[in-house]
Amino acid sequence: MPLNTVIFDMDGLLIDSEPYWQEAGIEIMNQFDVSLTLEQYHLTTGLRTREWLEYWFNHFGIDMSFAKDAEINIVQKAIEKIKEKGEPMPGVEYILSFFREKNFLIGLATSSPVELINVVVEKLGIRHFFDAWSSAETLAFSKPHPQVYLNCAELLQASPVQCVCFEDSFNGMISAKAARMKCVVIPAADVYGQTKWEAADLKLSSLTDFNEKSLLGF
């Protein structure tokens, strides 16, 4: 079946928001006398904040009774930082226009809350490109579970096998592949060379590197 739908992740792919999620997470973890390394942080990139906290609270033996307030604080800190300082990733306008010109349905599937989706699409001026979006905010499971991608495809009335997804995180890549969708992964520069990205259908350095030849290669 020919591809007719594209679904994008948001954080770290469309907007350079990961540094601000990282800042917010580190600030909260510091309150519990925990310092995460960059390698540790990348390990859990793409998880919802509650799963992120559950992972690290269990890892460091922190009482889970503090997790709910910590989650609220991280999300609000991150949204404020992204709203103030977030910048578009290279090629955002290009890639959205590329698929719009080909009459693809365009969706967004993210682990982040709807509140942040609205902040990002307004800040970047890209709301008009999207036919639907899906947040894992209230789902039982988030990425790497495929549900958020399947929900977005359903909203777009698209078959999963006719969708190509763009991701920047390992958990997101697994989510897209588990949904039976093609996946283009654009990892951060410091983890680009890792072999784990071989599960993707295509690995690129930037959204600007995707072109007609890339699309025909699927």
N, C-alpha and C. Protein backbone atom coordinates (compact mmCIF):
# COMPACT_ATOMS: atom_id res chain seq x y z
N MET A 1 0.85 -1.20 0.00
CA MET A 1 0.00 0.00 0.00
C MET A 1 0.88 1.24 0.00
N PRO A 2 0.59 2.23 -0.83
CA PRO A 2 1.42 3.44 -0.89
C PRO A 2 1.27 4.29 0.36
N LEU A 3 2.36 4.94 0.74
CA LEU A 3 2.32 5.85 1.88
C LEU A 3 1.50 7.09 1.52
N ASN A 4 0.64 7.51 2.47
CA ASN A 4 -0.15 8.72 2.25
C ASN A 4 -0.28 9.58 3.50
N THR A 5 0.43 9.19 4.56
CA THR A 5 0.30 9.85 5.86
C THR A 5 1.66 9.98 6.53
N VAL A 6 1.92 11.11 7.13
CA VAL A 6 3.15 11.31 7.89
C VAL A 6 2.78 11.77 9.30
N ILE A 7 3.48 11.20 10.28
CA ILE A 7 3.23 11.54 11.68
C ILE A 7 4.56 11.92 12.32
N PHE A 8 4.58 13.06 12.97
CA PHE A 8 5.81 13.57 13.58
C PHE A 8 5.75 13.47 15.10
N ASP A 9 6.87 13.11 15.69
CA ASP A 9 7.10 13.35 17.11
C ASP A 9 7.28 14.86 17.26
N MET A 10 7.36 15.34 18.48
CA MET A 10 7.47 16.79 18.68
C MET A 10 8.77 17.19 19.37
N ASP A 11 8.95 16.80 20.64
CA ASP A 11 10.11 17.23 21.41
C ASP A 11 11.40 16.69 20.83
N GLY A 12 12.34 17.58 20.55
CA GLY A 12 13.63 17.18 20.02
C GLY A 12 13.63 16.93 18.53
N LEU A 13 12.45 16.94 17.91
CA LEU A 13 12.35 16.74 16.47
C LEU A 13 11.87 18.00 15.76
N LEU A 14 10.77 18.57 16.24
CA LEU A 14 10.26 19.81 15.66
C LEU A 14 10.75 21.03 16.42
N ILE A 15 10.96 20.87 17.71
CA ILE A 15 11.42 21.99 18.53
C ILE A 15 12.56 21.51 19.43
N ASP A 16 13.53 22.37 19.62
CA ASP A 16 14.70 22.02 20.44
C ASP A 16 14.34 22.15 21.92
N SER A 17 13.48 21.24 22.36
CA SER A 17 12.94 21.31 23.71
C SER A 17 13.64 20.38 24.69
N GLU A 18 14.38 19.39 24.19
CA GLU A 18 14.99 18.42 25.09
C GLU A 18 15.91 19.07 26.14
N PRO A 19 16.69 20.11 25.79
CA PRO A 19 17.51 20.73 26.84
C PRO A 19 16.69 21.27 28.00
N TYR A 20 15.46 21.70 27.72
CA TYR A 20 14.63 22.31 28.76
C TYR A 20 13.91 21.24 29.58
N TRP A 21 13.54 20.12 28.93
CA TRP A 21 13.06 18.97 29.71
C TRP A 21 14.18 18.46 30.60
N GLN A 22 15.39 18.43 30.05
CA GLN A 22 16.53 17.97 30.82
C GLN A 22 16.79 18.89 32.01
N GLU A 23 16.79 20.19 31.76
CA GLU A 23 16.99 21.15 32.85
C GLU A 23 15.94 20.97 33.94
N ALA A 24 14.68 20.87 33.52
CA ALA A 24 13.59 20.74 34.50
C ALA A 24 13.72 19.45 35.29
N GLY A 25 14.04 18.35 34.59
CA GLY A 25 14.20 17.07 35.28
C GLY A 25 15.36 17.08 36.25
N ILE A 26 16.48 17.64 35.82
CA ILE A 26 17.66 17.69 36.68
C ILE A 26 17.41 18.57 37.90
N GLU A 27 16.72 19.69 37.70
CA GLU A 27 16.42 20.58 38.82
C GLU A 27 15.59 19.87 39.88
N ILE A 28 14.61 19.09 39.42
CA ILE A 28 13.76 18.37 40.39
C ILE A 28 14.54 17.23 41.04
N MET A 29 15.32 16.48 40.26
CA MET A 29 16.08 15.38 40.84
C MET A 29 17.13 15.88 41.84
N ASN A 30 17.65 17.08 41.59
CA ASN A 30 18.61 17.66 42.54
C ASN A 30 17.99 17.87 43.91
N GLN A 31 16.67 18.07 43.94
CA GLN A 31 15.98 18.24 45.22
C GLN A 31 16.03 16.97 46.06
N PHE A 32 16.30 15.84 45.37
CA PHE A 32 16.41 14.55 46.06
C PHE A 32 17.87 14.09 46.13
N ASP A 33 18.79 15.06 45.95
CA ASP A 33 20.24 14.80 46.02
C ASP A 33 20.69 13.77 44.99
N VAL A 34 20.10 13.84 43.80
CA VAL A 34 20.47 12.94 42.70
C VAL A 34 20.93 13.77 41.52
N SER A 35 22.07 13.39 40.94
CA SER A 35 22.59 14.05 39.75
C SER A 35 22.65 13.04 38.61
N LEU A 36 21.88 13.28 37.54
CA LEU A 36 21.88 12.39 36.39
C LEU A 36 22.99 12.76 35.42
N THR A 37 23.66 11.75 34.88
CA THR A 37 24.63 12.00 33.81
C THR A 37 23.87 12.16 32.49
N LEU A 38 24.55 12.70 31.49
CA LEU A 38 23.93 12.86 30.18
C LEU A 38 23.56 11.50 29.59
N GLU A 39 24.41 10.52 29.81
CA GLU A 39 24.13 9.16 29.31
C GLU A 39 22.88 8.60 29.97
N GLN A 40 22.73 8.81 31.26
CA GLN A 40 21.53 8.35 31.95
C GLN A 40 20.29 9.06 31.42
N TYR A 41 20.40 10.35 31.19
CA TYR A 41 19.25 11.11 30.70
C TYR A 41 18.80 10.59 29.33
N HIS A 42 19.75 10.34 28.43
CA HIS A 42 19.40 9.86 27.09
C HIS A 42 18.72 8.50 27.14
N LEU A 43 19.04 7.70 28.15
CA LEU A 43 18.46 6.37 28.28
C LEU A 43 16.94 6.42 28.38
N THR A 44 16.41 7.48 28.97
CA THR A 44 14.96 7.57 29.20
C THR A 44 14.30 8.67 28.37
N THR A 45 15.01 9.21 27.38
CA THR A 45 14.40 10.20 26.49
C THR A 45 13.23 9.59 25.74
N GLY A 46 12.14 10.34 25.65
CA GLY A 46 10.96 9.86 24.93
C GLY A 46 9.88 9.30 25.85
N LEU A 47 10.24 9.06 27.11
CA LEU A 47 9.23 8.59 28.07
C LEU A 47 8.38 9.75 28.55
N ARG A 48 7.15 9.44 28.95
CA ARG A 48 6.32 10.42 29.62
C ARG A 48 6.95 10.77 30.96
N THR A 49 6.68 11.96 31.47
CA THR A 49 7.32 12.40 32.71
C THR A 49 7.06 11.43 33.86
N ARG A 50 5.84 10.91 33.95
CA ARG A 50 5.55 10.01 35.07
C ARG A 50 6.36 8.72 34.99
N GLU A 51 6.55 8.18 33.74
CA GLU A 51 7.38 6.97 33.59
C GLU A 51 8.85 7.31 33.81
N TRP A 52 9.24 8.50 33.38
CA TRP A 52 10.62 8.96 33.59
C TRP A 52 10.92 9.00 35.08
N LEU A 53 10.01 9.59 35.84
CA LEU A 53 10.20 9.68 37.29
C LEU A 53 10.14 8.30 37.95
N GLU A 54 9.21 7.47 37.51
CA GLU A 54 9.10 6.13 38.09
C GLU A 54 10.40 5.36 37.89
N TYR A 55 10.97 5.48 36.70
CA TYR A 55 12.23 4.77 36.41
C TYR A 55 13.34 5.24 37.35
N TRP A 56 13.53 6.57 37.42
CA TRP A 56 14.66 7.09 38.19
C TRP A 56 14.41 7.05 39.70
N PHE A 57 13.17 7.22 40.11
CA PHE A 57 12.88 7.08 41.54
C PHE A 57 13.17 5.65 42.00
N ASN A 58 12.77 4.66 41.22
CA ASN A 58 13.06 3.27 41.56
C ASN A 58 14.56 2.99 41.51
N HIS A 59 15.21 3.56 40.52
CA HIS A 59 16.65 3.34 40.36
C HIS A 59 17.43 3.88 41.56
N PHE A 60 17.03 5.04 42.05
CA PHE A 60 17.76 5.68 43.15
C PHE A 60 17.10 5.46 44.51
N GLY A 61 16.05 4.67 44.57
CA GLY A 61 15.41 4.36 45.85
C GLY A 61 14.69 5.54 46.48
N ILE A 62 14.08 6.40 45.65
CA ILE A 62 13.34 7.57 46.16
C ILE A 62 11.88 7.18 46.40
N ASP A 63 11.32 7.65 47.49
CA ASP A 63 9.94 7.35 47.86
C ASP A 63 8.98 7.83 46.76
N MET A 64 8.18 6.90 46.21
CA MET A 64 7.27 7.23 45.11
C MET A 64 6.14 8.16 45.54
N SER A 65 5.96 8.38 46.83
CA SER A 65 4.91 9.30 47.29
C SER A 65 5.22 10.74 46.85
N PHE A 66 6.48 11.00 46.50
CA PHE A 66 6.86 12.35 46.04
C PHE A 66 6.68 12.52 44.53
N ALA A 67 6.34 11.44 43.83
CA ALA A 67 6.38 11.45 42.37
C ALA A 67 5.33 12.36 41.74
N LYS A 68 4.12 12.38 42.29
CA LYS A 68 3.06 13.18 41.67
C LYS A 68 3.39 14.66 41.65
N ASP A 69 3.83 15.18 42.79
CA ASP A 69 4.20 16.60 42.85
C ASP A 69 5.42 16.88 41.97
N ALA A 70 6.35 15.93 41.93
CA ALA A 70 7.54 16.10 41.10
C ALA A 70 7.16 16.16 39.63
N GLU A 71 6.21 15.33 39.22
CA GLU A 71 5.75 15.33 37.83
C GLU A 71 5.14 16.68 37.46
N ILE A 72 4.26 17.18 38.30
CA ILE A 72 3.63 18.48 38.05
C ILE A 72 4.68 19.57 37.91
N ASN A 73 5.66 19.55 38.80
CA ASN A 73 6.70 20.59 38.78
C ASN A 73 7.58 20.51 37.54
N ILE A 74 7.95 19.29 37.13
CA ILE A 74 8.78 19.14 35.94
C ILE A 74 8.04 19.63 34.71
N VAL A 75 6.78 19.22 34.55
CA VAL A 75 6.01 19.60 33.36
C VAL A 75 5.86 21.11 33.28
N GLN A 76 5.51 21.74 34.39
CA GLN A 76 5.31 23.18 34.36
C GLN A 76 6.61 23.93 34.12
N LYS A 77 7.70 23.47 34.75
CA LYS A 77 9.00 24.09 34.51
C LYS A 77 9.39 23.97 33.04
N ALA A 78 9.20 22.78 32.47
CA ALA A 78 9.59 22.54 31.07
C ALA A 78 8.76 23.40 30.12
N ILE A 79 7.45 23.46 30.35
CA ILE A 79 6.59 24.25 29.48
C ILE A 79 6.99 25.72 29.52
N GLU A 80 7.26 26.24 30.70
CA GLU A 80 7.68 27.65 30.83
C GLU A 80 8.99 27.90 30.10
N LYS A 81 9.95 26.98 30.25
CA LYS A 81 11.25 27.15 29.61
C LYS A 81 11.12 27.07 28.08
N ILE A 82 10.33 26.11 27.60
CA ILE A 82 10.16 25.93 26.15
C ILE A 82 9.43 27.12 25.55
N LYS A 83 8.41 27.59 26.25
CA LYS A 83 7.65 28.74 25.76
C LYS A 83 8.55 29.97 25.63
N GLU A 84 9.47 30.12 26.56
CA GLU A 84 10.36 31.28 26.57
C GLU A 84 11.54 31.13 25.61
N LYS A 85 12.14 29.92 25.58
CA LYS A 85 13.43 29.79 24.90
C LYS A 85 13.49 28.77 23.78
N GLY A 86 12.44 27.97 23.60
CA GLY A 86 12.47 26.92 22.59
C GLY A 86 12.61 27.45 21.16
N GLU A 87 13.43 26.79 20.35
CA GLU A 87 13.65 27.18 18.96
C GLU A 87 13.30 26.02 18.03
N PRO A 88 12.84 26.32 16.81
CA PRO A 88 12.54 25.23 15.88
C PRO A 88 13.79 24.47 15.49
N MET A 89 13.66 23.18 15.27
CA MET A 89 14.77 22.40 14.75
C MET A 89 14.96 22.73 13.27
N PRO A 90 16.15 22.57 12.73
CA PRO A 90 16.37 22.87 11.32
C PRO A 90 15.45 22.05 10.41
N GLY A 91 14.80 22.73 9.47
CA GLY A 91 14.01 22.03 8.46
C GLY A 91 12.54 21.81 8.78
N VAL A 92 12.05 22.38 9.88
CA VAL A 92 10.65 22.14 10.26
C VAL A 92 9.69 22.63 9.17
N GLU A 93 9.83 23.87 8.77
CA GLU A 93 8.95 24.43 7.74
C GLU A 93 9.12 23.66 6.42
N TYR A 94 10.35 23.29 6.11
CA TYR A 94 10.64 22.56 4.88
C TYR A 94 9.92 21.22 4.85
N ILE A 95 10.06 20.43 5.91
CA ILE A 95 9.52 19.07 5.90
C ILE A 95 7.99 19.07 5.92
N LEU A 96 7.39 20.00 6.66
CA LEU A 96 5.94 20.08 6.69
C LEU A 96 5.39 20.52 5.32
N SER A 97 6.05 21.46 4.69
CA SER A 97 5.64 21.91 3.36
C SER A 97 5.85 20.80 2.33
N PHE A 98 6.93 20.04 2.47
CA PHE A 98 7.22 18.92 1.56
C PHE A 98 6.05 17.95 1.52
N PHE A 99 5.57 17.55 2.69
CA PHE A 99 4.48 16.57 2.74
C PHE A 99 3.13 17.20 2.42
N ARG A 100 2.93 18.45 2.74
CA ARG A 100 1.67 19.12 2.40
C ARG A 100 1.54 19.23 0.88
N GLU A 101 2.64 19.53 0.20
CA GLU A 101 2.62 19.64 -1.25
C GLU A 101 2.32 18.30 -1.92
N LYS A 102 2.59 17.20 -1.22
CA LYS A 102 2.30 15.87 -1.75
C LYS A 102 0.94 15.36 -1.28
N ASN A 103 0.18 16.24 -0.65
CA ASN A 103 -1.18 15.92 -0.19
C ASN A 103 -1.21 14.78 0.83
N PHE A 104 -0.12 14.65 1.60
CA PHE A 104 -0.12 13.70 2.70
C PHE A 104 -0.98 14.24 3.83
N LEU A 105 -1.64 13.35 4.54
CA LEU A 105 -2.23 13.71 5.83
C LEU A 105 -1.07 13.90 6.80
N ILE A 106 -1.18 14.89 7.67
CA ILE A 106 -0.07 15.20 8.59
C ILE A 106 -0.56 15.17 10.03
N GLY A 107 0.11 14.35 10.84
CA GLY A 107 -0.26 14.23 12.25
C GLY A 107 0.94 14.43 13.16
N LEU A 108 0.65 14.50 14.44
CA LEU A 108 1.67 14.66 15.47
C LEU A 108 1.33 13.71 16.60
N ALA A 109 2.32 12.94 17.06
CA ALA A 109 2.11 11.99 18.15
C ALA A 109 3.22 12.17 19.17
N THR A 110 2.85 12.55 20.38
CA THR A 110 3.85 12.90 21.38
C THR A 110 3.50 12.36 22.76
N SER A 111 4.52 12.15 23.56
CA SER A 111 4.32 11.78 24.96
C SER A 111 3.99 12.99 25.81
N SER A 112 4.22 14.18 25.28
CA SER A 112 4.01 15.41 26.04
C SER A 112 2.53 15.75 26.16
N PRO A 113 2.17 16.57 27.15
CA PRO A 113 0.76 16.93 27.34
C PRO A 113 0.25 17.86 26.25
N VAL A 114 -1.07 17.88 26.09
CA VAL A 114 -1.73 18.71 25.09
C VAL A 114 -1.37 20.18 25.30
N GLU A 115 -1.22 20.60 26.55
CA GLU A 115 -0.86 21.98 26.85
C GLU A 115 0.43 22.37 26.13
N LEU A 116 1.40 21.46 26.10
CA LEU A 116 2.66 21.77 25.43
C LEU A 116 2.52 21.72 23.91
N ILE A 117 1.69 20.82 23.39
CA ILE A 117 1.43 20.80 21.95
C ILE A 117 0.96 22.18 21.50
N ASN A 118 0.00 22.73 22.21
CA ASN A 118 -0.53 24.04 21.85
C ASN A 118 0.53 25.13 21.93
N VAL A 119 1.39 25.06 22.95
CA VAL A 119 2.47 26.03 23.07
C VAL A 119 3.41 25.94 21.86
N VAL A 120 3.77 24.72 21.48
CA VAL A 120 4.75 24.53 20.41
C VAL A 120 4.20 24.92 19.04
N VAL A 121 2.99 24.47 18.71
CA VAL A 121 2.47 24.79 17.37
C VAL A 121 2.22 26.28 17.21
N GLU A 122 1.87 26.96 18.31
CA GLU A 122 1.69 28.41 18.24
C GLU A 122 3.05 29.12 18.15
N LYS A 123 3.99 28.69 18.96
CA LYS A 123 5.32 29.32 18.98
C LYS A 123 6.01 29.20 17.63
N LEU A 124 5.86 28.03 16.98
CA LEU A 124 6.52 27.80 15.70
C LEU A 124 5.66 28.22 14.50
N GLY A 125 4.40 28.57 14.75
CA GLY A 125 3.52 28.98 13.66
C GLY A 125 3.20 27.86 12.69
N ILE A 126 3.01 26.63 13.20
CA ILE A 126 2.81 25.47 12.33
C ILE A 126 1.47 24.77 12.55
N ARG A 127 0.59 25.36 13.32
CA ARG A 127 -0.69 24.72 13.63
C ARG A 127 -1.44 24.33 12.35
N HIS A 128 -1.38 25.18 11.34
CA HIS A 128 -2.18 24.97 10.13
C HIS A 128 -1.75 23.75 9.32
N PHE A 129 -0.57 23.23 9.58
CA PHE A 129 -0.11 22.06 8.83
C PHE A 129 -0.77 20.77 9.29
N PHE A 130 -1.23 20.71 10.53
CA PHE A 130 -1.64 19.43 11.12
C PHE A 130 -3.13 19.15 10.96
N ASP A 131 -3.39 17.90 10.52
CA ASP A 131 -4.77 17.44 10.40
C ASP A 131 -5.27 16.82 11.70
N ALA A 132 -4.34 16.36 12.53
CA ALA A 132 -4.71 15.77 13.83
C ALA A 132 -3.45 15.62 14.67
N TRP A 133 -3.66 15.57 15.99
CA TRP A 133 -2.55 15.21 16.86
C TRP A 133 -3.05 14.38 18.01
N SER A 134 -2.10 13.63 18.58
CA SER A 134 -2.42 12.70 19.66
C SER A 134 -1.37 12.82 20.75
N SER A 135 -1.84 12.90 22.00
CA SER A 135 -0.95 12.97 23.15
C SER A 135 -1.12 11.70 23.99
N ALA A 136 -0.03 11.23 24.54
CA ALA A 136 -0.08 10.07 25.44
C ALA A 136 -0.34 10.48 26.88
N GLU A 137 -0.67 11.75 27.09
CA GLU A 137 -0.83 12.30 28.43
C GLU A 137 -1.75 11.45 29.31
N THR A 138 -2.87 11.00 28.77
CA THR A 138 -3.85 10.27 29.59
C THR A 138 -3.94 8.79 29.22
N LEU A 139 -3.04 8.30 28.37
CA LEU A 139 -3.08 6.89 27.98
C LEU A 139 -2.52 6.01 29.10
N ALA A 140 -2.94 4.75 29.10
CA ALA A 140 -2.41 3.81 30.09
C ALA A 140 -0.92 3.60 29.88
N PHE A 141 -0.49 3.61 28.61
CA PHE A 141 0.93 3.43 28.30
C PHE A 141 1.36 4.47 27.28
N SER A 142 2.59 4.93 27.41
CA SER A 142 3.16 5.87 26.45
C SER A 142 4.27 5.18 25.66
N LYS A 143 4.97 5.93 24.83
CA LYS A 143 6.11 5.37 24.09
C LYS A 143 7.07 4.71 25.09
N PRO A 144 7.58 3.53 24.78
CA PRO A 144 7.64 2.84 23.50
C PRO A 144 6.41 2.03 23.10
N HIS A 145 5.34 2.08 23.88
CA HIS A 145 4.09 1.45 23.47
C HIS A 145 3.58 2.18 22.21
N PRO A 146 2.96 1.47 21.27
CA PRO A 146 2.55 2.10 20.01
C PRO A 146 1.23 2.87 20.04
N GLN A 147 0.53 2.88 21.19
CA GLN A 147 -0.84 3.39 21.20
C GLN A 147 -0.97 4.83 20.72
N VAL A 148 -0.05 5.70 21.10
CA VAL A 148 -0.17 7.10 20.71
C VAL A 148 -0.08 7.26 19.20
N TYR A 149 0.73 6.43 18.54
CA TYR A 149 0.80 6.46 17.07
C TYR A 149 -0.45 5.86 16.45
N LEU A 150 -0.94 4.78 17.01
CA LEU A 150 -2.16 4.17 16.49
C LEU A 150 -3.36 5.11 16.65
N ASN A 151 -3.40 5.82 17.77
CA ASN A 151 -4.49 6.79 17.98
C ASN A 151 -4.44 7.91 16.95
N CYS A 152 -3.24 8.38 16.65
CA CYS A 152 -3.10 9.45 15.68
C CYS A 152 -3.53 8.98 14.29
N ALA A 153 -3.12 7.77 13.92
CA ALA A 153 -3.53 7.22 12.62
C ALA A 153 -5.04 7.08 12.55
N GLU A 154 -5.65 6.66 13.64
CA GLU A 154 -7.12 6.53 13.66
C GLU A 154 -7.79 7.88 13.48
N LEU A 155 -7.28 8.90 14.16
CA LEU A 155 -7.84 10.25 14.00
C LEU A 155 -7.71 10.74 12.55
N LEU A 156 -6.64 10.34 11.89
CA LEU A 156 -6.40 10.72 10.51
C LEU A 156 -7.13 9.81 9.52
N GLN A 157 -7.77 8.75 10.06
CA GLN A 157 -8.44 7.74 9.24
C GLN A 157 -7.45 7.13 8.25
N ALA A 158 -6.27 6.82 8.75
CA ALA A 158 -5.19 6.26 7.94
C ALA A 158 -4.84 4.87 8.44
N SER A 159 -4.42 4.01 7.52
CA SER A 159 -3.92 2.70 7.90
C SER A 159 -2.49 2.84 8.41
N PRO A 160 -2.14 2.17 9.52
CA PRO A 160 -0.76 2.26 10.02
C PRO A 160 0.29 1.92 8.98
N VAL A 161 0.01 0.98 8.09
CA VAL A 161 1.01 0.57 7.11
C VAL A 161 1.18 1.61 6.00
N GLN A 162 0.35 2.64 6.00
CA GLN A 162 0.49 3.72 5.02
C GLN A 162 1.09 4.98 5.66
N CYS A 163 1.63 4.81 6.88
CA CYS A 163 2.18 5.95 7.62
C CYS A 163 3.71 5.88 7.69
N VAL A 164 4.33 7.03 7.57
CA VAL A 164 5.76 7.18 7.87
C VAL A 164 5.90 8.14 9.04
N CYS A 165 6.72 7.77 10.01
CA CYS A 165 6.87 8.58 11.22
C CYS A 165 8.29 9.14 11.29
N PHE A 166 8.40 10.30 11.90
CA PHE A 166 9.69 10.93 12.15
C PHE A 166 9.91 10.99 13.66
N GLU A 167 11.04 10.48 14.11
CA GLU A 167 11.35 10.40 15.52
C GLU A 167 12.81 10.81 15.78
N ASP A 168 13.09 11.17 17.03
CA ASP A 168 14.46 11.46 17.42
C ASP A 168 14.93 10.59 18.57
N SER A 169 14.03 9.87 19.23
CA SER A 169 14.40 9.07 20.40
C SER A 169 14.26 7.58 20.11
N PHE A 170 15.01 6.78 20.88
CA PHE A 170 14.93 5.32 20.73
C PHE A 170 13.55 4.81 21.11
N ASN A 171 13.00 5.32 22.23
CA ASN A 171 11.67 4.88 22.65
C ASN A 171 10.62 5.24 21.61
N GLY A 172 10.76 6.40 20.99
CA GLY A 172 9.83 6.80 19.95
C GLY A 172 9.94 5.93 18.72
N MET A 173 11.18 5.59 18.33
CA MET A 173 11.40 4.72 17.19
C MET A 173 10.74 3.36 17.41
N ILE A 174 10.91 2.80 18.59
CA ILE A 174 10.29 1.51 18.90
C ILE A 174 8.77 1.61 18.86
N SER A 175 8.23 2.72 19.35
CA SER A 175 6.79 2.96 19.32
C SER A 175 6.26 2.94 17.89
N ALA A 176 6.94 3.67 17.00
CA ALA A 176 6.50 3.74 15.61
C ALA A 176 6.60 2.39 14.92
N LYS A 177 7.68 1.67 15.14
CA LYS A 177 7.85 0.36 14.50
C LYS A 177 6.84 -0.65 15.04
N ALA A 178 6.54 -0.56 16.34
CA ALA A 178 5.55 -1.46 16.93
C ALA A 178 4.16 -1.19 16.36
N ALA A 179 3.93 0.04 15.89
CA ALA A 179 2.65 0.39 15.26
C ALA A 179 2.60 -0.04 13.80
N ARG A 180 3.68 -0.68 13.32
CA ARG A 180 3.80 -1.16 11.93
C ARG A 180 3.91 -0.01 10.93
N MET A 181 4.55 1.06 11.35
CA MET A 181 4.75 2.22 10.51
C MET A 181 6.21 2.32 10.11
N LYS A 182 6.48 2.94 8.97
CA LYS A 182 7.85 3.26 8.59
C LYS A 182 8.37 4.32 9.55
N CYS A 183 9.68 4.31 9.81
CA CYS A 183 10.22 5.28 10.75
C CYS A 183 11.51 5.88 10.25
N VAL A 184 11.54 7.21 10.19
CA VAL A 184 12.75 7.98 9.92
C VAL A 184 13.23 8.50 11.27
N VAL A 185 14.46 8.19 11.62
CA VAL A 185 14.97 8.63 12.91
C VAL A 185 16.06 9.67 12.70
N ILE A 186 16.02 10.73 13.52
CA ILE A 186 17.00 11.80 13.46
C ILE A 186 17.57 11.97 14.87
N PRO A 187 18.56 11.14 15.22
CA PRO A 187 19.09 11.16 16.58
C PRO A 187 19.90 12.42 16.87
N ALA A 188 20.03 12.71 18.16
CA ALA A 188 20.92 13.80 18.58
C ALA A 188 22.35 13.46 18.16
N ALA A 189 23.14 14.49 17.89
CA ALA A 189 24.49 14.30 17.35
C ALA A 189 25.36 13.41 18.23
N ASP A 190 25.23 13.53 19.55
CA ASP A 190 26.12 12.78 20.45
C ASP A 190 25.78 11.31 20.56
N VAL A 191 24.62 10.88 20.01
CA VAL A 191 24.27 9.45 20.02
C VAL A 191 24.03 8.93 18.60
N TYR A 192 24.32 9.75 17.60
CA TYR A 192 24.01 9.42 16.21
C TYR A 192 24.67 8.12 15.75
N GLY A 193 25.88 7.86 16.19
CA GLY A 193 26.63 6.71 15.71
C GLY A 193 26.28 5.39 16.38
N GLN A 194 25.39 5.39 17.34
CA GLN A 194 25.05 4.15 18.05
C GLN A 194 24.29 3.18 17.16
N THR A 195 24.56 1.89 17.32
CA THR A 195 23.98 0.87 16.45
C THR A 195 22.48 0.64 16.68
N LYS A 196 21.96 1.12 17.79
CA LYS A 196 20.55 0.87 18.09
C LYS A 196 19.60 1.50 17.07
N TRP A 197 20.07 2.50 16.33
CA TRP A 197 19.20 3.16 15.35
C TRP A 197 18.98 2.32 14.10
N GLU A 198 19.65 1.18 14.00
CA GLU A 198 19.52 0.34 12.82
C GLU A 198 18.11 -0.24 12.68
N ALA A 199 17.32 -0.17 13.73
CA ALA A 199 15.94 -0.66 13.65
C ALA A 199 15.05 0.28 12.84
N ALA A 200 15.51 1.50 12.62
CA ALA A 200 14.73 2.47 11.82
C ALA A 200 14.84 2.13 10.34
N ASP A 201 13.88 2.62 9.56
CA ASP A 201 13.92 2.43 8.12
C ASP A 201 14.90 3.38 7.45
N LEU A 202 15.16 4.51 8.11
CA LEU A 202 16.07 5.50 7.56
C LEU A 202 16.60 6.35 8.71
N LYS A 203 17.91 6.61 8.71
CA LYS A 203 18.52 7.48 9.72
C LYS A 203 19.12 8.68 9.01
N LEU A 204 18.80 9.88 9.48
CA LEU A 204 19.29 11.13 8.90
C LEU A 204 19.86 12.03 9.99
N SER A 205 20.62 13.01 9.57
CA SER A 205 21.19 13.97 10.51
C SER A 205 20.26 15.15 10.77
N SER A 206 19.34 15.40 9.83
CA SER A 206 18.46 16.56 9.92
C SER A 206 17.20 16.35 9.09
N LEU A 207 16.15 17.04 9.44
CA LEU A 207 14.93 17.03 8.63
C LEU A 207 15.21 17.51 7.21
N THR A 208 16.20 18.39 7.07
CA THR A 208 16.52 18.96 5.76
C THR A 208 17.11 17.92 4.81
N ASP A 209 17.56 16.78 5.35
CA ASP A 209 18.17 15.75 4.52
C ASP A 209 17.13 14.85 3.84
N PHE A 210 15.88 14.94 4.26
CA PHE A 210 14.84 14.11 3.67
C PHE A 210 14.38 14.75 2.35
N ASN A 211 14.24 13.92 1.31
CA ASN A 211 13.87 14.45 0.00
C ASN A 211 13.04 13.43 -0.78
N GLU A 212 12.84 13.73 -2.05
CA GLU A 212 12.04 12.86 -2.91
C GLU A 212 12.63 11.45 -2.98
N LYS A 213 13.94 11.37 -3.08
CA LYS A 213 14.61 10.07 -3.14
C LYS A 213 14.38 9.28 -1.86
N SER A 214 14.39 9.96 -0.73
CA SER A 214 14.15 9.29 0.56
C SER A 214 12.76 8.69 0.57
N LEU A 215 11.79 9.44 0.13
CA LEU A 215 10.40 8.96 0.13
C LEU A 215 10.23 7.76 -0.80
N LEU A 216 10.85 7.82 -1.97
CA LEU A 216 10.73 6.73 -2.93
C LEU A 216 11.44 5.47 -2.46
N GLY A 217 12.34 5.63 -1.48
CA GLY A 217 13.09 4.49 -0.99
C GLY A 217 12.32 3.55 -0.07
N PHE A 218 11.14 3.97 0.35
CA PHE A 218 10.36 3.11 1.28
C PHE A 218 9.60 2.02 0.52
